[in-house]
Amino acid sequence: MTLTTPADSVPIRIGTLFASMREPQVKAVVAMSSGDTTVTDTPDPSPTPTQVLIDVEAAGVGYVDVMTLRGEYPAFPGAGAVPGMEVVGRVTAVGAEVSEGLVGQQVLALLTGFGGFAERVVAEAEMVLTSPPGAGADDVVALGVNALVAELALQRVGAAAGERVLVRGAGGGIGVLATQIARARGAEVTVVTSSAARGERLRGLGAAHVVDRNRSGVPDAGFDVVVDTVAGPDLGQHLALLRPNGRYVLCGAAGGFPSVESFAPLLRDFHKSLSLHAFSLNSVAPEELRGSWKRVVALLDEGRLSAVVDHVFPLAEAAAALRRVADGKAFGKVVLRPR
């Protein structure tokens, strides 16, 4: 059907007219009830008084996103929601209670309500961190949540110069950064990874010793600190590796949840005064996040820390990016580019 128009005018089709009246849309990755994802148009977000609006340049893909789609992360709303908990991009607008000085800045935003796999997102201003000057979006998001987890985990257990630190899952997004940050703190770092090739890359990032879990399994030395992103059925064997006054920090569960029996060494070795820390960024106040980010950026500026980008996917290939993380093939961070 066509509207009546003057003879010298271009006809306006009804479908075109209605399309122009629709609210603005952005492309986003949406979870389906099957656990798969689809890329579709979603409403363009608008910031509340305490939020900022961000044009996304890079979104981080982590194991937490795999867990959300499997229904293993209770806070995720489920089908119809957009995964993604960290993005880097330019602030284009701010809410009434936010400083206009943020407009135009490149920032790292931590998204407590998900939504990162999209062309544009809103984030609480208190969860926005300024990008290091001159750093590319891919590198900033490759640091992002993973660097904060690694830095704060090592900070909380007091990893110190001269101590022996073991990193499980060292080739993952958190692991490659925990390896570097522990080394920067003066520790002697042993890494557990899945191949000789990955081990050599980790040596280049500061690892003094490499354990190939597919060959030798559990290390045979004692450690002052264990950083564990894997958990799973072998947690107990690694917990037993702690020296007296050793500290074990659990900050991931890529290998699944451990059994209750895995924690037996805490009581069996009671007189060694061992401690176990469960650590999540969800428990960290914004001011503590800013302090950690400042320390991360300082290490970056000093050349003692580098971002490790595994692979960059366009938004349309989000499913492939998630599979790469789920299959444990990534070394470092998998990144989505929405544009």
Protein backbone atom coordinates (compact mmCIF):
# COMPACT_ATOMS: atom_id res chain seq x y z
CA MET A 1 0.00 0.00 0.00
CA THR A 2 1.24 3.55 -0.83
CA LEU A 3 0.18 6.91 0.60
CA THR A 4 -1.20 9.48 -1.86
CA THR A 5 1.47 12.08 -2.62
CA PRO A 6 1.96 14.94 -5.07
CA ALA A 7 2.97 13.87 -8.55
CA ASP A 8 6.58 15.02 -8.21
CA SER A 9 7.12 13.33 -4.82
CA VAL A 10 8.68 9.98 -3.98
CA PRO A 11 6.06 7.52 -2.70
CA ILE A 12 6.25 6.71 1.04
CA ARG A 13 5.56 3.06 1.79
CA ILE A 14 3.66 2.27 4.97
CA GLY A 15 6.35 -0.18 6.19
CA THR A 16 9.07 2.44 5.79
CA LEU A 17 6.98 5.04 7.64
CA PHE A 18 6.33 2.72 10.59
CA ALA A 19 10.00 1.64 10.72
CA SER A 20 11.08 5.26 11.07
CA MET A 21 8.71 5.66 14.03
CA ARG A 22 10.15 2.72 16.02
CA GLU A 23 12.30 3.41 19.04
CA PRO A 24 16.09 3.32 18.40
CA GLN A 25 17.63 -0.15 18.44
CA VAL A 26 21.06 -1.62 19.09
CA LYS A 27 22.47 -5.05 18.25
CA ALA A 28 22.92 -7.35 21.23
CA VAL A 29 23.54 -11.01 22.05
CA VAL A 30 20.48 -12.45 23.77
CA ALA A 31 20.27 -15.70 25.76
CA MET A 32 17.70 -18.25 24.64
CA SER A 33 15.94 -20.83 26.81
CA SER A 34 17.98 -23.57 25.09
CA GLY A 35 21.21 -22.12 26.47
CA ASP A 36 22.24 -20.89 23.03
CA THR A 37 22.43 -17.25 21.98
CA THR A 38 21.11 -15.14 19.14
CA VAL A 39 22.06 -11.67 17.89
CA THR A 40 19.07 -9.38 17.59
CA ASP A 41 17.88 -5.79 17.89
CA THR A 42 17.16 -4.58 21.42
CA PRO A 43 15.99 -1.19 22.72
CA ASP A 44 18.66 1.49 22.89
CA PRO A 45 19.44 1.96 26.62
CA SER A 46 19.14 5.27 28.42
CA PRO A 47 21.05 6.14 31.62
CA THR A 48 19.32 6.69 34.95
CA PRO A 49 20.53 9.61 37.12
CA THR A 50 23.42 7.52 38.53
CA GLN A 51 24.47 5.85 35.26
CA VAL A 52 26.55 6.53 32.16
CA LEU A 53 25.85 5.51 28.56
CA ILE A 54 28.73 3.81 26.75
CA ASP A 55 29.38 3.07 23.08
CA VAL A 56 31.02 -0.34 23.42
CA GLU A 57 34.35 -0.89 21.67
CA ALA A 58 35.20 -4.25 23.27
CA ALA A 59 33.39 -6.68 25.57
CA GLY A 60 35.13 -9.33 27.65
CA VAL A 61 34.04 -12.96 27.38
CA GLY A 62 34.70 -15.02 30.50
CA TYR A 63 33.80 -18.34 32.04
CA VAL A 64 31.13 -16.58 34.07
CA ASP A 65 29.30 -15.95 30.78
CA VAL A 66 29.42 -19.67 30.00
CA MET A 67 27.98 -20.38 33.45
CA THR A 68 25.15 -17.88 32.96
CA LEU A 69 24.00 -19.59 29.78
CA ARG A 70 24.12 -22.98 31.50
CA GLY A 71 21.90 -21.69 34.28
CA GLU A 72 24.72 -22.01 36.82
CA TYR A 73 24.87 -18.33 37.82
CA PRO A 74 21.82 -17.45 39.95
CA ALA A 75 21.99 -13.67 39.40
CA PHE A 76 21.56 -13.95 35.62
CA PRO A 77 17.93 -13.25 34.61
CA GLY A 78 17.86 -16.06 32.04
CA ALA A 79 16.26 -16.27 28.59
CA GLY A 80 15.85 -12.88 26.96
CA ALA A 81 18.71 -11.29 28.91
CA VAL A 82 22.06 -10.11 27.52
CA PRO A 83 25.24 -11.72 28.94
CA GLY A 84 28.46 -9.83 29.53
CA MET A 85 29.84 -8.26 32.71
CA GLU A 86 32.63 -5.99 31.44
CA VAL A 87 33.03 -3.59 28.55
CA VAL A 88 35.40 -0.90 27.34
CA GLY A 89 34.13 2.06 25.37
CA ARG A 90 33.46 5.80 25.18
CA VAL A 91 31.03 7.53 27.49
CA THR A 92 28.51 9.38 25.32
CA ALA A 93 26.03 10.59 27.95
CA VAL A 94 25.67 10.74 31.72
CA GLY A 95 22.79 10.81 34.18
CA ALA A 96 21.82 13.91 36.11
CA GLU A 97 23.88 12.94 39.18
CA VAL A 98 27.06 12.06 37.25
CA SER A 99 29.91 14.43 36.37
CA GLU A 100 29.83 15.54 32.73
CA GLY A 101 33.61 15.25 32.74
CA LEU A 102 33.22 11.56 31.93
CA VAL A 103 31.69 12.30 28.53
CA GLY A 104 34.16 11.40 25.79
CA GLN A 105 36.42 9.33 28.03
CA GLN A 106 37.35 5.73 27.30
CA VAL A 107 36.44 3.64 30.33
CA LEU A 108 36.28 0.11 31.67
CA ALA A 109 32.81 -0.56 33.05
CA LEU A 110 31.85 -3.45 35.33
CA LEU A 111 28.23 -4.38 34.78
CA THR A 112 26.49 -5.69 37.87
CA GLY A 113 23.31 -6.28 35.87
CA PHE A 114 24.95 -7.93 32.82
CA GLY A 115 24.21 -6.58 29.32
CA GLY A 116 27.78 -6.23 27.98
CA PHE A 117 27.39 -8.15 24.72
CA ALA A 118 25.83 -5.18 22.94
CA GLU A 119 26.68 -2.13 20.86
CA ARG A 120 25.69 0.24 23.65
CA VAL A 121 25.26 -0.25 27.41
CA VAL A 122 24.52 1.66 30.58
CA ALA A 123 26.62 1.25 33.73
CA GLU A 124 26.58 2.64 37.24
CA ALA A 125 29.05 5.52 37.37
CA GLU A 126 30.65 4.16 40.55
CA MET A 127 31.57 0.98 38.64
CA VAL A 128 33.38 2.85 35.86
CA LEU A 129 37.20 2.96 35.78
CA THR A 130 39.28 5.19 33.52
CA SER A 131 41.31 3.38 30.83
CA PRO A 132 45.11 3.76 30.92
CA PRO A 133 46.19 6.53 28.50
CA GLY A 134 46.95 5.19 25.03
CA ALA A 135 45.75 1.66 25.73
CA GLY A 136 43.59 -0.07 23.12
CA ALA A 137 40.12 -1.27 24.03
CA ASP A 138 41.01 -4.95 23.49
CA ASP A 139 43.95 -4.71 25.89
CA VAL A 140 41.98 -2.82 28.53
CA VAL A 141 39.17 -5.40 28.59
CA ALA A 142 41.78 -8.20 28.58
CA LEU A 143 42.96 -6.73 31.89
CA GLY A 144 39.54 -5.71 33.19
CA VAL A 145 37.76 -8.04 35.59
CA ASN A 146 40.51 -10.65 35.40
CA ALA A 147 43.27 -8.30 36.53
CA LEU A 148 41.10 -7.04 39.37
CA VAL A 149 40.36 -10.59 40.53
CA ALA A 150 44.02 -11.62 40.32
CA GLU A 151 45.36 -8.48 42.00
CA LEU A 152 42.83 -8.40 44.82
CA ALA A 153 43.08 -12.15 45.45
CA LEU A 154 46.86 -11.91 45.85
CA GLN A 155 46.46 -8.76 47.92
CA ARG A 156 44.00 -10.41 50.30
CA VAL A 157 46.20 -13.44 50.95
CA GLY A 158 49.28 -11.25 51.27
CA ALA A 159 51.45 -12.95 48.63
CA ALA A 160 54.94 -11.62 49.41
CA ALA A 161 58.43 -11.52 47.97
CA GLY A 162 60.26 -14.81 48.37
CA GLU A 163 57.12 -16.89 48.80
CA ARG A 164 56.18 -19.80 46.57
CA VAL A 165 52.93 -19.23 44.67
CA LEU A 166 51.05 -21.87 42.67
CA VAL A 167 48.54 -20.79 39.99
CA ARG A 168 45.98 -23.34 38.79
CA GLY A 169 44.38 -22.74 35.40
CA ALA A 170 47.27 -20.44 34.62
CA GLY A 171 46.51 -20.14 30.90
CA GLY A 172 43.06 -18.66 31.48
CA GLY A 173 42.07 -15.01 31.68
CA ILE A 174 42.69 -14.74 35.44
CA GLY A 175 45.63 -17.14 35.46
CA VAL A 176 47.88 -15.29 33.01
CA LEU A 177 47.46 -12.13 35.09
CA ALA A 178 47.85 -13.84 38.48
CA THR A 179 51.12 -15.30 37.19
CA GLN A 180 52.43 -11.86 36.25
CA ILE A 181 51.19 -10.05 39.35
CA ALA A 182 52.57 -12.71 41.73
CA ARG A 183 55.94 -12.42 39.97
CA ALA A 184 55.76 -8.62 40.23
CA ARG A 185 55.27 -9.02 43.99
CA GLY A 186 58.55 -10.95 44.12
CA ALA A 187 57.12 -14.45 44.46
CA GLU A 188 58.50 -17.61 42.86
CA VAL A 189 55.64 -18.74 40.63
CA THR A 190 54.71 -22.28 39.60
CA VAL A 191 51.92 -22.68 37.06
CA VAL A 192 49.65 -25.58 36.23
CA THR A 193 48.53 -25.68 32.62
CA SER A 194 47.51 -28.12 29.89
CA SER A 195 50.45 -28.25 27.45
CA ALA A 196 54.15 -27.59 27.01
CA ALA A 197 53.39 -24.80 24.54
CA ARG A 198 51.19 -22.98 27.03
CA GLY A 199 53.84 -23.54 29.67
CA GLU A 200 56.47 -21.81 27.56
CA ARG A 201 54.21 -18.83 27.08
CA LEU A 202 53.70 -18.67 30.83
CA ARG A 203 57.46 -18.78 31.40
CA GLY A 204 57.62 -15.67 29.24
CA LEU A 205 55.13 -14.04 31.62
CA GLY A 206 57.19 -14.78 34.72
CA ALA A 207 56.57 -18.41 35.70
CA ALA A 208 59.63 -20.08 37.19
CA HIS A 209 58.22 -23.63 37.04
CA VAL A 210 55.60 -25.30 34.84
CA VAL A 211 53.47 -28.34 35.63
CA ASP A 212 51.71 -29.99 32.68
CA ARG A 213 48.55 -31.34 34.28
CA ASN A 214 48.08 -33.85 31.44
CA ARG A 215 51.44 -35.45 32.23
CA SER A 216 52.51 -34.99 35.82
CA GLY A 217 49.26 -33.98 37.50
CA VAL A 218 49.70 -32.40 40.93
CA PRO A 219 52.99 -30.60 41.78
CA ASP A 220 55.20 -32.23 44.42
CA ALA A 221 56.43 -29.08 46.20
CA GLY A 222 54.97 -27.05 49.04
CA PHE A 223 53.51 -23.59 48.51
CA ASP A 224 52.79 -20.53 50.61
CA VAL A 225 49.91 -19.43 48.35
CA VAL A 226 47.68 -21.22 45.86
CA VAL A 227 45.54 -19.21 43.42
CA ASP A 228 42.84 -21.52 42.08
CA THR A 229 40.48 -20.66 39.22
CA VAL A 230 39.62 -24.32 38.56
CA ALA A 231 38.33 -25.95 41.79
CA GLY A 232 36.79 -29.27 40.68
CA PRO A 233 37.56 -32.73 42.07
CA ASP A 234 41.33 -32.09 42.44
CA LEU A 235 41.00 -29.14 44.81
CA GLY A 236 41.80 -31.26 47.87
CA GLN A 237 45.07 -32.50 46.41
CA HIS A 238 46.21 -28.92 45.82
CA LEU A 239 44.98 -27.73 49.22
CA ALA A 240 47.24 -30.38 50.75
CA LEU A 241 50.27 -28.73 49.09
CA LEU A 242 50.19 -25.72 51.38
CA ARG A 243 53.09 -25.11 53.74
CA PRO A 244 52.47 -24.12 57.38
CA ASN A 245 50.49 -20.84 57.45
CA GLY A 246 49.70 -21.32 53.77
CA ARG A 247 46.81 -19.50 52.10
CA TYR A 248 44.54 -20.91 49.42
CA VAL A 249 42.39 -18.47 47.43
CA LEU A 250 39.55 -19.88 45.35
CA CYS A 251 38.40 -17.44 42.67
CA GLY A 252 36.79 -19.62 40.03
CA ALA A 253 35.28 -23.03 39.34
CA ALA A 254 36.02 -23.83 35.70
CA GLY A 255 36.48 -27.48 36.69
CA GLY A 256 33.19 -27.66 38.54
CA PHE A 257 32.34 -27.55 42.22
CA PRO A 258 34.52 -29.60 44.58
CA SER A 259 33.13 -32.19 46.95
CA VAL A 260 32.90 -31.58 50.68
CA GLU A 261 35.71 -34.11 51.16
CA SER A 262 38.05 -31.84 49.19
CA PHE A 263 38.30 -29.53 52.19
CA ALA A 264 39.46 -32.27 54.58
CA PRO A 265 43.11 -31.03 54.63
CA LEU A 266 42.00 -27.92 56.54
CA LEU A 267 41.15 -30.10 59.56
CA ARG A 268 43.54 -32.96 58.93
CA ASP A 269 46.45 -30.48 58.85
CA PHE A 270 44.96 -28.32 61.60
CA HIS A 271 48.33 -27.61 63.23
CA LYS A 272 49.68 -26.10 60.00
CA SER A 273 47.21 -23.20 60.46
CA LEU A 274 46.08 -23.26 56.84
CA SER A 275 43.48 -20.80 55.53
CA LEU A 276 41.02 -20.95 52.65
CA HIS A 277 39.63 -17.81 51.01
CA ALA A 278 36.67 -17.75 48.63
CA PHE A 279 36.95 -14.57 46.59
CA SER A 280 34.50 -12.80 44.27
CA LEU A 281 34.52 -9.25 42.94
CA ASN A 282 30.86 -9.05 43.92
CA SER A 283 32.00 -8.55 47.52
CA VAL A 284 34.33 -5.64 46.73
CA ALA A 285 33.30 -2.04 47.35
CA PRO A 286 33.78 0.48 44.52
CA GLU A 287 36.57 2.34 46.36
CA GLU A 288 38.52 -0.91 46.79
CA LEU A 289 38.06 -1.67 43.08
CA ARG A 290 39.48 1.75 42.21
CA GLY A 291 42.49 1.14 44.46
CA SER A 292 43.16 -2.21 42.81
CA TRP A 293 42.78 -0.74 39.32
CA LYS A 294 45.29 1.97 40.23
CA ARG A 295 47.81 -0.70 41.23
CA VAL A 296 47.12 -2.69 38.04
CA VAL A 297 47.68 0.39 35.85
CA ALA A 298 50.90 1.16 37.75
CA LEU A 299 52.23 -2.34 36.97
CA LEU A 300 51.25 -1.83 33.34
CA ASP A 301 53.09 1.51 33.20
CA GLU A 302 56.17 -0.06 34.79
CA GLY A 303 56.24 -2.84 32.16
CA ARG A 304 55.67 -5.55 34.77
CA LEU A 305 52.22 -6.47 33.50
CA SER A 306 50.86 -6.97 30.00
CA ALA A 307 47.43 -7.71 28.61
CA VAL A 308 47.04 -11.12 26.94
CA VAL A 309 44.38 -11.20 24.21
CA ASP A 310 43.58 -14.69 22.95
CA HIS A 311 41.17 -14.00 20.09
CA VAL A 312 38.84 -11.23 18.95
CA PHE A 313 35.39 -12.11 17.56
CA PRO A 314 32.74 -9.88 16.00
CA LEU A 315 29.44 -9.68 17.85
CA ALA A 316 27.79 -11.93 15.27
CA GLU A 317 30.18 -14.74 16.30
CA ALA A 318 29.48 -14.55 20.04
CA ALA A 319 28.50 -18.22 20.12
CA ALA A 320 31.95 -19.18 18.79
CA ALA A 321 33.62 -16.94 21.37
CA LEU A 322 31.68 -18.60 24.18
CA ARG A 323 32.56 -22.08 22.86
CA ARG A 324 36.25 -21.19 22.85
CA VAL A 325 36.07 -20.23 26.51
CA ALA A 326 33.91 -23.22 27.46
CA ASP A 327 36.30 -25.65 25.73
CA GLY A 328 39.31 -24.28 27.60
CA LYS A 329 41.10 -23.37 24.37
CA ALA A 330 41.72 -19.72 25.18
CA PHE A 331 45.09 -18.46 26.40
CA GLY A 332 44.29 -15.14 27.98
CA LYS A 333 41.16 -13.15 27.18
CA VAL A 334 38.53 -13.71 24.49
CA VAL A 335 37.09 -10.40 23.27
CA LEU A 336 33.94 -9.40 21.40
CA ARG A 337 33.89 -6.32 19.16
CA PRO A 338 30.33 -5.08 18.70
CA ARG A 339 31.18 -2.71 15.82
